[in-house]
Amino acid sequence: MRLYLLLVSLLFSAEVLTQEPPRRNPFIPGEITQCPAAILAEEQQLLGWILRGVIGRNENWYGWIQAQNGNWIRVARHKPLPLFYWQLDNLRYGSAQFSDKSVGSHACRSQNIIELKLRK
């Protein structure tokens, strides 16, 4: 009986040792395998926004964005957004450009820059 248990334990340990480690996607850096759900949700929220108007001159521009839920958001270069992971980088007539605030720590996003074009 002892011999039988020893043989079963050896066979089991040999199978465990010969299993391949899980494969990873070679196009994603090794330390990043999954994006936190909050980051992906915020990116999708931003992609659903529609730039409806921009007014201003020089470095003093203001924009109006309509969110998916119908709410309006007034954006300006140094005004905080209702987003945590994104910031408004560039606002000019006809476009608003948002960038990832934490490029180094969350490079798992599909995009690091999102640009909204003026739509009527």
C-alpha atoms as a PDB file:
ATOM      1  CA  MET A   1       0.000   0.000   0.000  1.00  0.00           C
ATOM      2  CA  ARG A   2       2.846   2.350   0.831  1.00  0.00           C
ATOM      3  CA  LEU A   3       4.477   1.632  -2.471  1.00  0.00           C
ATOM      4  CA  TYR A   4       1.207   2.366  -4.259  1.00  0.00           C
ATOM      5  CA  LEU A   5       0.844   5.780  -2.531  1.00  0.00           C
ATOM      6  CA  LEU A   6       4.446   6.627  -3.290  1.00  0.00           C
ATOM      7  CA  LEU A   7       3.987   5.719  -6.943  1.00  0.00           C
ATOM      8  CA  VAL A   8       0.762   7.809  -7.254  1.00  0.00           C
ATOM      9  CA  SER A   9       2.368  10.821  -5.581  1.00  0.00           C
ATOM     10  CA  LEU A  10       5.400  10.596  -7.900  1.00  0.00           C
ATOM     11  CA  LEU A  11       3.203  10.394 -10.979  1.00  0.00           C
ATOM     12  CA  PHE A  12       1.086  13.329  -9.824  1.00  0.00           C
ATOM     13  CA  SER A  13       4.121  15.513  -9.052  1.00  0.00           C
ATOM     14  CA  ALA A  14       5.716  14.628 -12.408  1.00  0.00           C
ATOM     15  CA  GLU A  15       2.580  15.732 -14.252  1.00  0.00           C
ATOM     16  CA  VAL A  16       2.417  18.992 -12.333  1.00  0.00           C
ATOM     17  CA  LEU A  17       6.069  19.723 -13.095  1.00  0.00           C
ATOM     18  CA  THR A  18       5.698  19.061 -16.820  1.00  0.00           C
ATOM     19  CA  GLN A  19       2.723  21.399 -17.346  1.00  0.00           C
ATOM     20  CA  GLU A  20       3.461  24.480 -19.434  1.00  0.00           C
ATOM     21  CA  PRO A  21       3.060  27.885 -17.806  1.00  0.00           C
ATOM     22  CA  PRO A  22       0.079  29.906 -19.113  1.00  0.00           C
ATOM     23  CA  ARG A  23       0.889  31.762 -22.301  1.00  0.00           C
ATOM     24  CA  ARG A  24       0.729  35.538 -22.445  1.00  0.00           C
ATOM     25  CA  ASN A  25      -0.087  37.939 -25.240  1.00  0.00           C
ATOM     26  CA  PRO A  26       3.260  39.039 -26.749  1.00  0.00           C
ATOM     27  CA  PHE A  27       1.817  42.412 -27.771  1.00  0.00           C
ATOM     28  CA  ILE A  28       1.100  43.421 -24.170  1.00  0.00           C
ATOM     29  CA  PRO A  29       4.098  44.158 -21.921  1.00  0.00           C
ATOM     30  CA  GLY A  30       4.834  41.390 -19.431  1.00  0.00           C
ATOM     31  CA  GLU A  31       3.893  43.243 -16.275  1.00  0.00           C
ATOM     32  CA  ILE A  32       0.544  44.361 -17.670  1.00  0.00           C
ATOM     33  CA  THR A  33      -1.970  41.633 -18.338  1.00  0.00           C
ATOM     34  CA  GLN A  34      -5.290  43.223 -17.496  1.00  0.00           C
ATOM     35  CA  CYS A  35      -6.672  46.710 -17.343  1.00  0.00           C
ATOM     36  CA  PRO A  36      -8.705  47.608 -14.255  1.00  0.00           C
ATOM     37  CA  ALA A  37     -12.401  47.789 -15.129  1.00  0.00           C
ATOM     38  CA  ALA A  38     -12.664  51.436 -14.000  1.00  0.00           C
ATOM     39  CA  ILE A  39     -10.069  52.523 -16.556  1.00  0.00           C
ATOM     40  CA  LEU A  40     -11.791  50.744 -19.428  1.00  0.00           C
ATOM     41  CA  ALA A  41     -15.200  52.066 -18.389  1.00  0.00           C
ATOM     42  CA  GLU A  42     -13.908  55.632 -18.317  1.00  0.00           C
ATOM     43  CA  GLU A  43     -12.289  55.266 -21.741  1.00  0.00           C
ATOM     44  CA  GLN A  44     -15.598  54.014 -23.168  1.00  0.00           C
ATOM     45  CA  GLN A  45     -17.402  56.926 -21.525  1.00  0.00           C
ATOM     46  CA  LEU A  46     -15.023  59.416 -23.147  1.00  0.00           C
ATOM     47  CA  LEU A  47     -15.365  57.731 -26.544  1.00  0.00           C
ATOM     48  CA  GLY A  48     -19.135  58.251 -26.272  1.00  0.00           C
ATOM     49  CA  TRP A  49     -18.865  62.010 -25.792  1.00  0.00           C
ATOM     50  CA  ILE A  50     -19.790  64.384 -28.635  1.00  0.00           C
ATOM     51  CA  LEU A  51     -18.094  67.763 -29.035  1.00  0.00           C
ATOM     52  CA  ARG A  52     -20.916  70.205 -29.842  1.00  0.00           C
ATOM     53  CA  GLY A  53     -19.182  73.585 -29.753  1.00  0.00           C
ATOM     54  CA  VAL A  54     -15.956  75.467 -29.101  1.00  0.00           C
ATOM     55  CA  ILE A  55     -15.472  79.191 -28.582  1.00  0.00           C
ATOM     56  CA  GLY A  56     -12.514  81.371 -27.656  1.00  0.00           C
ATOM     57  CA  ARG A  57      -9.185  82.665 -28.882  1.00  0.00           C
ATOM     58  CA  ASN A  58      -5.480  82.395 -28.133  1.00  0.00           C
ATOM     59  CA  GLU A  59      -5.146  80.048 -25.128  1.00  0.00           C
ATOM     60  CA  ASN A  60      -8.589  80.819 -23.702  1.00  0.00           C
ATOM     61  CA  TRP A  61     -10.914  78.221 -25.256  1.00  0.00           C
ATOM     62  CA  TYR A  62     -14.129  76.690 -23.911  1.00  0.00           C
ATOM     63  CA  GLY A  63     -15.926  73.666 -25.263  1.00  0.00           C
ATOM     64  CA  TRP A  64     -19.318  72.055 -24.816  1.00  0.00           C
ATOM     65  CA  ILE A  65     -19.572  68.298 -24.843  1.00  0.00           C
ATOM     66  CA  GLN A  66     -22.690  66.199 -24.762  1.00  0.00           C
ATOM     67  CA  ALA A  67     -22.339  62.969 -22.788  1.00  0.00           C
ATOM     68  CA  GLN A  68     -24.100  59.718 -23.694  1.00  0.00           C
ATOM     69  CA  ASN A  69     -26.695  60.278 -20.976  1.00  0.00           C
ATOM     70  CA  GLY A  70     -27.632  63.657 -22.518  1.00  0.00           C
ATOM     71  CA  ASN A  71     -25.880  65.807 -19.897  1.00  0.00           C
ATOM     72  CA  TRP A  72     -23.752  68.736 -21.011  1.00  0.00           C
ATOM     73  CA  ILE A  73     -20.167  69.213 -19.870  1.00  0.00           C
ATOM     74  CA  ARG A  74     -18.351  72.549 -20.187  1.00  0.00           C
ATOM     75  CA  VAL A  75     -14.642  71.956 -20.693  1.00  0.00           C
ATOM     76  CA  ALA A  76     -11.682  74.285 -20.519  1.00  0.00           C
ATOM     77  CA  ARG A  77      -7.963  73.650 -20.431  1.00  0.00           C
ATOM     78  CA  HIS A  78      -7.509  74.037 -16.654  1.00  0.00           C
ATOM     79  CA  LYS A  79     -10.978  73.020 -15.530  1.00  0.00           C
ATOM     80  CA  PRO A  80     -11.310  69.563 -13.903  1.00  0.00           C
ATOM     81  CA  LEU A  81     -13.168  66.900 -15.855  1.00  0.00           C
ATOM     82  CA  PRO A  82     -15.651  64.381 -14.488  1.00  0.00           C
ATOM     83  CA  LEU A  83     -12.987  61.780 -15.321  1.00  0.00           C
ATOM     84  CA  PHE A  84     -10.167  60.505 -13.144  1.00  0.00           C
ATOM     85  CA  TYR A  85      -7.797  58.917 -15.666  1.00  0.00           C
ATOM     86  CA  TRP A  86      -8.020  61.434 -18.528  1.00  0.00           C
ATOM     87  CA  GLN A  87      -7.219  65.123 -18.921  1.00  0.00           C
ATOM     88  CA  LEU A  88      -7.980  67.738 -21.569  1.00  0.00           C
ATOM     89  CA  ASP A  89      -4.735  68.529 -23.356  1.00  0.00           C
ATOM     90  CA  ASN A  90      -5.702  70.634 -26.316  1.00  0.00           C
ATOM     91  CA  LEU A  91      -8.868  72.549 -27.124  1.00  0.00           C
ATOM     92  CA  ARG A  92      -9.119  74.468 -30.369  1.00  0.00           C
ATOM     93  CA  TYR A  93     -11.895  75.354 -32.756  1.00  0.00           C
ATOM     94  CA  GLY A  94     -13.213  72.076 -34.075  1.00  0.00           C
ATOM     95  CA  SER A  95     -11.447  69.611 -31.780  1.00  0.00           C
ATOM     96  CA  ALA A  96     -10.742  68.595 -28.206  1.00  0.00           C
ATOM     97  CA  GLN A  97      -7.846  66.287 -27.435  1.00  0.00           C
ATOM     98  CA  PHE A  98      -7.709  64.212 -24.272  1.00  0.00           C
ATOM     99  CA  SER A  99      -4.707  62.274 -23.019  1.00  0.00           C
ATOM    100  CA  ASP A 100      -4.071  59.559 -20.504  1.00  0.00           C
ATOM    101  CA  LYS A 101      -2.854  61.043 -17.189  1.00  0.00           C
ATOM    102  CA  SER A 102      -1.040  57.888 -16.153  1.00  0.00           C
ATOM    103  CA  VAL A 103       0.607  56.567 -19.318  1.00  0.00           C
ATOM    104  CA  GLY A 104       3.364  54.717 -17.484  1.00  0.00           C
ATOM    105  CA  SER A 105       1.250  52.877 -14.953  1.00  0.00           C
ATOM    106  CA  HIS A 106      -1.749  51.963 -17.122  1.00  0.00           C
ATOM    107  CA  ALA A 107      -0.439  51.403 -20.626  1.00  0.00           C
ATOM    108  CA  CYS A 108      -3.032  48.675 -21.058  1.00  0.00           C
ATOM    109  CA  ARG A 109      -5.535  51.046 -22.626  1.00  0.00           C
ATOM    110  CA  SER A 110      -6.365  50.738 -26.268  1.00  0.00           C
ATOM    111  CA  GLN A 111      -5.585  54.427 -26.803  1.00  0.00           C
ATOM    112  CA  ASN A 112      -3.439  56.990 -24.999  1.00  0.00           C
ATOM    113  CA  ILE A 113      -4.911  59.973 -26.875  1.00  0.00           C
ATOM    114  CA  ILE A 114      -8.551  60.502 -27.817  1.00  0.00           C
ATOM    115  CA  GLU A 115      -9.580  63.366 -30.056  1.00  0.00           C
ATOM    116  CA  LEU A 116     -13.178  64.529 -30.377  1.00  0.00           C
ATOM    117  CA  LYS A 117     -14.075  66.408 -33.564  1.00  0.00           C
ATOM    118  CA  LEU A 118     -16.827  69.009 -33.746  1.00  0.00           C
ATOM    119  CA  ARG A 119     -20.121  67.459 -34.804  1.00  0.00           C
ATOM    120  CA  LYS A 120     -23.353  69.319 -35.324  1.00  0.00           C
END
